[in-house]
């Protein structure tokens, strides 16, 4: 069986944000076992799974991504939506638009210290739409 949920996250500032609890609040009770597939419907933000305990990890992600993909590069052509837009598209392609997590015993079966991140790459990205599909 399959259940699908569409919902929006509140607007977040640019950066990496732990959203596991927000996602779980939208899903209700999870099945005994299955898979959660989570997809973001945007091209300038992404999803990933990483460290959920130390917030400095998220700060280091932001610093590293800004170092790897810089704003205002002279070779960017797609610039009419702002200096942060083209870098946001590149960063979202590097991170990806979806994650999958196994479900065991009615819980997301993460490893130690793992959680779901919203990777917001725009200065003012606004609310982000997600689609969660639970397979069981």
C-alpha atoms as a PDB file:
ATOM      1  CA  UNK A   1       0.000   0.000   0.000  1.00  0.00           C
ATOM      2  CA  UNK A   2       0.961   3.614  -0.477  1.00  0.00           C
ATOM      3  CA  UNK A   3      -0.029   6.824   1.297  1.00  0.00           C
ATOM      4  CA  UNK A   4       0.971  10.243   0.029  1.00  0.00           C
ATOM      5  CA  UNK A   5       1.011  13.574   1.843  1.00  0.00           C
ATOM      6  CA  UNK A   6       1.591  17.022   0.356  1.00  0.00           C
ATOM      7  CA  UNK A   7       2.457  19.855   2.732  1.00  0.00           C
ATOM      8  CA  UNK A   8       4.437  23.072   3.012  1.00  0.00           C
ATOM      9  CA  UNK A   9       7.210  23.932   5.396  1.00  0.00           C
ATOM     10  CA  UNK A  10       7.339  27.399   6.914  1.00  0.00           C
ATOM     11  CA  UNK A  11       9.826  29.821   5.380  1.00  0.00           C
ATOM     12  CA  UNK A  12      13.364  29.308   6.659  1.00  0.00           C
ATOM     13  CA  UNK A  13      16.341  31.601   6.349  1.00  0.00           C
ATOM     14  CA  UNK A  14      19.167  30.545   4.098  1.00  0.00           C
ATOM     15  CA  UNK A  15      21.040  27.590   5.540  1.00  0.00           C
ATOM     16  CA  UNK A  16      20.658  23.975   6.587  1.00  0.00           C
ATOM     17  CA  UNK A  17      17.708  23.237   8.860  1.00  0.00           C
ATOM     18  CA  UNK A  18      16.737  20.084  10.729  1.00  0.00           C
ATOM     19  CA  UNK A  19      13.121  19.326   9.724  1.00  0.00           C
ATOM     20  CA  UNK A  20      12.619  15.726  10.886  1.00  0.00           C
ATOM     21  CA  UNK A  21      10.016  16.618  13.529  1.00  0.00           C
ATOM     22  CA  UNK A  22       8.104  18.880  11.106  1.00  0.00           C
ATOM     23  CA  UNK A  23       7.910  16.047   8.582  1.00  0.00           C
ATOM     24  CA  UNK A  24       6.823  13.508  11.198  1.00  0.00           C
ATOM     25  CA  UNK A  25       4.083  15.859  12.410  1.00  0.00           C
ATOM     26  CA  UNK A  26       2.585  15.802   8.902  1.00  0.00           C
ATOM     27  CA  UNK A  27       2.631  12.016   8.596  1.00  0.00           C
ATOM     28  CA  UNK A  28       0.883  10.790  11.714  1.00  0.00           C
ATOM     29  CA  UNK A  29       1.464   7.170  12.729  1.00  0.00           C
ATOM     30  CA  UNK A  30       3.948   5.328  10.571  1.00  0.00           C
ATOM     31  CA  UNK A  31       3.425   1.692   9.543  1.00  0.00           C
ATOM     32  CA  UNK A  32       5.205  -1.207  11.238  1.00  0.00           C
ATOM     33  CA  UNK A  33       7.663  -1.292   8.351  1.00  0.00           C
ATOM     34  CA  UNK A  34       8.096   0.441   5.033  1.00  0.00           C
ATOM     35  CA  UNK A  35       9.894   3.303   3.353  1.00  0.00           C
ATOM     36  CA  UNK A  36       9.422   7.063   3.519  1.00  0.00           C
ATOM     37  CA  UNK A  37      10.298   8.877   0.319  1.00  0.00           C
ATOM     38  CA  UNK A  38      10.426  12.675   0.719  1.00  0.00           C
ATOM     39  CA  UNK A  39      10.596  15.011  -2.288  1.00  0.00           C
ATOM     40  CA  UNK A  40      10.933  18.805  -2.428  1.00  0.00           C
ATOM     41  CA  UNK A  41       9.119  20.553  -5.299  1.00  0.00           C
ATOM     42  CA  UNK A  42      11.680  23.299  -5.822  1.00  0.00           C
ATOM     43  CA  UNK A  43      14.870  23.841  -7.823  1.00  0.00           C
ATOM     44  CA  UNK A  44      16.664  26.164  -5.409  1.00  0.00           C
ATOM     45  CA  UNK A  45      16.422  24.098  -2.217  1.00  0.00           C
ATOM     46  CA  UNK A  46      17.226  20.497  -1.432  1.00  0.00           C
ATOM     47  CA  UNK A  47      16.959  17.677   1.079  1.00  0.00           C
ATOM     48  CA  UNK A  48      19.640  15.572   2.709  1.00  0.00           C
ATOM     49  CA  UNK A  49      20.225  13.387   5.750  1.00  0.00           C
ATOM     50  CA  UNK A  50      23.021  14.208   8.147  1.00  0.00           C
ATOM     51  CA  UNK A  51      24.043  15.058  11.724  1.00  0.00           C
ATOM     52  CA  UNK A  52      21.121  15.951  13.994  1.00  0.00           C
ATOM     53  CA  UNK A  53      22.910  16.640  17.283  1.00  0.00           C
ATOM     54  CA  UNK A  54      25.476  19.405  16.833  1.00  0.00           C
ATOM     55  CA  UNK A  55      24.134  22.557  15.108  1.00  0.00           C
ATOM     56  CA  UNK A  56      27.654  23.635  14.146  1.00  0.00           C
ATOM     57  CA  UNK A  57      27.590  20.890  11.502  1.00  0.00           C
ATOM     58  CA  UNK A  58      24.805  22.789   9.726  1.00  0.00           C
ATOM     59  CA  UNK A  59      26.801  26.021   9.964  1.00  0.00           C
ATOM     60  CA  UNK A  60      29.822  24.282   8.458  1.00  0.00           C
ATOM     61  CA  UNK A  61      27.666  22.913   5.625  1.00  0.00           C
ATOM     62  CA  UNK A  62      26.514  26.455   4.817  1.00  0.00           C
ATOM     63  CA  UNK A  63      30.080  27.812   4.895  1.00  0.00           C
ATOM     64  CA  UNK A  64      31.404  24.954   2.763  1.00  0.00           C
ATOM     65  CA  UNK A  65      28.669  25.200   0.126  1.00  0.00           C
ATOM     66  CA  UNK A  66      29.171  28.974  -0.096  1.00  0.00           C
ATOM     67  CA  UNK A  67      32.885  28.375  -0.609  1.00  0.00           C
ATOM     68  CA  UNK A  68      32.322  25.732  -3.299  1.00  0.00           C
ATOM     69  CA  UNK A  69      29.562  27.585  -5.205  1.00  0.00           C
ATOM     70  CA  UNK A  70      30.010  31.333  -5.012  1.00  0.00           C
ATOM     71  CA  UNK A  71      27.609  34.136  -5.861  1.00  0.00           C
ATOM     72  CA  UNK A  72      28.282  36.789  -8.505  1.00  0.00           C
ATOM     73  CA  UNK A  73      30.509  34.639 -10.684  1.00  0.00           C
ATOM     74  CA  UNK A  74      31.149  36.516 -13.954  1.00  0.00           C
ATOM     75  CA  UNK A  75      30.252  33.458 -16.066  1.00  0.00           C
ATOM     76  CA  UNK A  76      26.680  33.128 -14.715  1.00  0.00           C
ATOM     77  CA  UNK A  77      24.091  33.952 -17.360  1.00  0.00           C
ATOM     78  CA  UNK A  78      20.943  33.184 -15.335  1.00  0.00           C
ATOM     79  CA  UNK A  79      21.114  36.228 -13.042  1.00  0.00           C
ATOM     80  CA  UNK A  80      17.775  38.045 -13.336  1.00  0.00           C
ATOM     81  CA  UNK A  81      16.351  36.485 -10.137  1.00  0.00           C
ATOM     82  CA  UNK A  82      19.204  37.727  -7.953  1.00  0.00           C
ATOM     83  CA  UNK A  83      22.782  36.903  -7.081  1.00  0.00           C
ATOM     84  CA  UNK A  84      21.731  33.951  -4.917  1.00  0.00           C
ATOM     85  CA  UNK A  85      19.521  32.258  -7.540  1.00  0.00           C
ATOM     86  CA  UNK A  86      21.941  30.500  -9.908  1.00  0.00           C
ATOM     87  CA  UNK A  87      24.165  29.306  -7.049  1.00  0.00           C
ATOM     88  CA  UNK A  88      20.995  27.965  -5.382  1.00  0.00           C
ATOM     89  CA  UNK A  89      20.160  25.900  -8.481  1.00  0.00           C
ATOM     90  CA  UNK A  90      23.678  24.448  -8.568  1.00  0.00           C
ATOM     91  CA  UNK A  91      23.691  23.688  -4.834  1.00  0.00           C
ATOM     92  CA  UNK A  92      20.288  21.994  -5.014  1.00  0.00           C
ATOM     93  CA  UNK A  93      21.575  19.757  -7.816  1.00  0.00           C
ATOM     94  CA  UNK A  94      24.584  18.814  -5.705  1.00  0.00           C
ATOM     95  CA  UNK A  95      22.414  17.912  -2.698  1.00  0.00           C
ATOM     96  CA  UNK A  96      19.406  16.464  -4.499  1.00  0.00           C
ATOM     97  CA  UNK A  97      15.646  16.848  -4.266  1.00  0.00           C
ATOM     98  CA  UNK A  98      14.719  13.707  -2.325  1.00  0.00           C
ATOM     99  CA  UNK A  99      15.646  11.330   0.472  1.00  0.00           C
ATOM    100  CA  UNK A 100      14.412   7.868   1.414  1.00  0.00           C
ATOM    101  CA  UNK A 101      14.387   6.472   4.948  1.00  0.00           C
ATOM    102  CA  UNK A 102      13.441   2.965   6.052  1.00  0.00           C
ATOM    103  CA  UNK A 103      10.589   2.621   8.527  1.00  0.00           C
ATOM    104  CA  UNK A 104      10.938  -0.008  11.266  1.00  0.00           C
ATOM    105  CA  UNK A 105       8.734  -0.501  14.333  1.00  0.00           C
ATOM    106  CA  UNK A 106       6.616   2.553  13.412  1.00  0.00           C
ATOM    107  CA  UNK A 107       9.686   4.849  13.427  1.00  0.00           C
ATOM    108  CA  UNK A 108      12.127   6.262  10.914  1.00  0.00           C
ATOM    109  CA  UNK A 109      15.099   3.919  11.097  1.00  0.00           C
ATOM    110  CA  UNK A 110      17.918   6.445  11.150  1.00  0.00           C
ATOM    111  CA  UNK A 111      21.461   5.727  12.168  1.00  0.00           C
ATOM    112  CA  UNK A 112      22.877   7.396  15.240  1.00  0.00           C
ATOM    113  CA  UNK A 113      22.732  11.196  15.027  1.00  0.00           C
ATOM    114  CA  UNK A 114      20.855  11.321  11.682  1.00  0.00           C
ATOM    115  CA  UNK A 115      18.033  13.665  10.734  1.00  0.00           C
ATOM    116  CA  UNK A 116      16.438  15.216   7.654  1.00  0.00           C
ATOM    117  CA  UNK A 117      17.702  18.633   6.561  1.00  0.00           C
ATOM    118  CA  UNK A 118      16.009  21.261   4.463  1.00  0.00           C
ATOM    119  CA  UNK A 119      18.843  22.864   2.525  1.00  0.00           C
ATOM    120  CA  UNK A 120      17.600  26.391   1.841  1.00  0.00           C
ATOM    121  CA  UNK A 121      19.860  28.010  -0.715  1.00  0.00           C
ATOM    122  CA  UNK A 122      17.936  31.245  -1.361  1.00  0.00           C
ATOM    123  CA  UNK A 123      18.154  34.336   0.830  1.00  0.00           C
ATOM    124  CA  UNK A 124      14.345  34.483   0.854  1.00  0.00           C
ATOM    125  CA  UNK A 125      13.114  31.131  -0.398  1.00  0.00           C
ATOM    126  CA  UNK A 126       9.688  31.279   1.208  1.00  0.00           C
ATOM    127  CA  UNK A 127       7.529  28.293   2.065  1.00  0.00           C
ATOM    128  CA  UNK A 128       8.745  25.046   0.522  1.00  0.00           C
ATOM    129  CA  UNK A 129       6.384  22.355  -0.758  1.00  0.00           C
ATOM    130  CA  UNK A 130       7.145  18.718   0.029  1.00  0.00           C
ATOM    131  CA  UNK A 131       5.563  15.437  -1.026  1.00  0.00           C
ATOM    132  CA  UNK A 132       5.974  12.508   1.354  1.00  0.00           C
ATOM    133  CA  UNK A 133       5.182   9.017   0.084  1.00  0.00           C
ATOM    134  CA  UNK A 134       4.990   6.155   2.569  1.00  0.00           C
ATOM    135  CA  UNK A 135       5.281   2.674   1.093  1.00  0.00           C
ATOM    136  CA  UNK A 136       4.196  -0.246   3.272  1.00  0.00           C
END
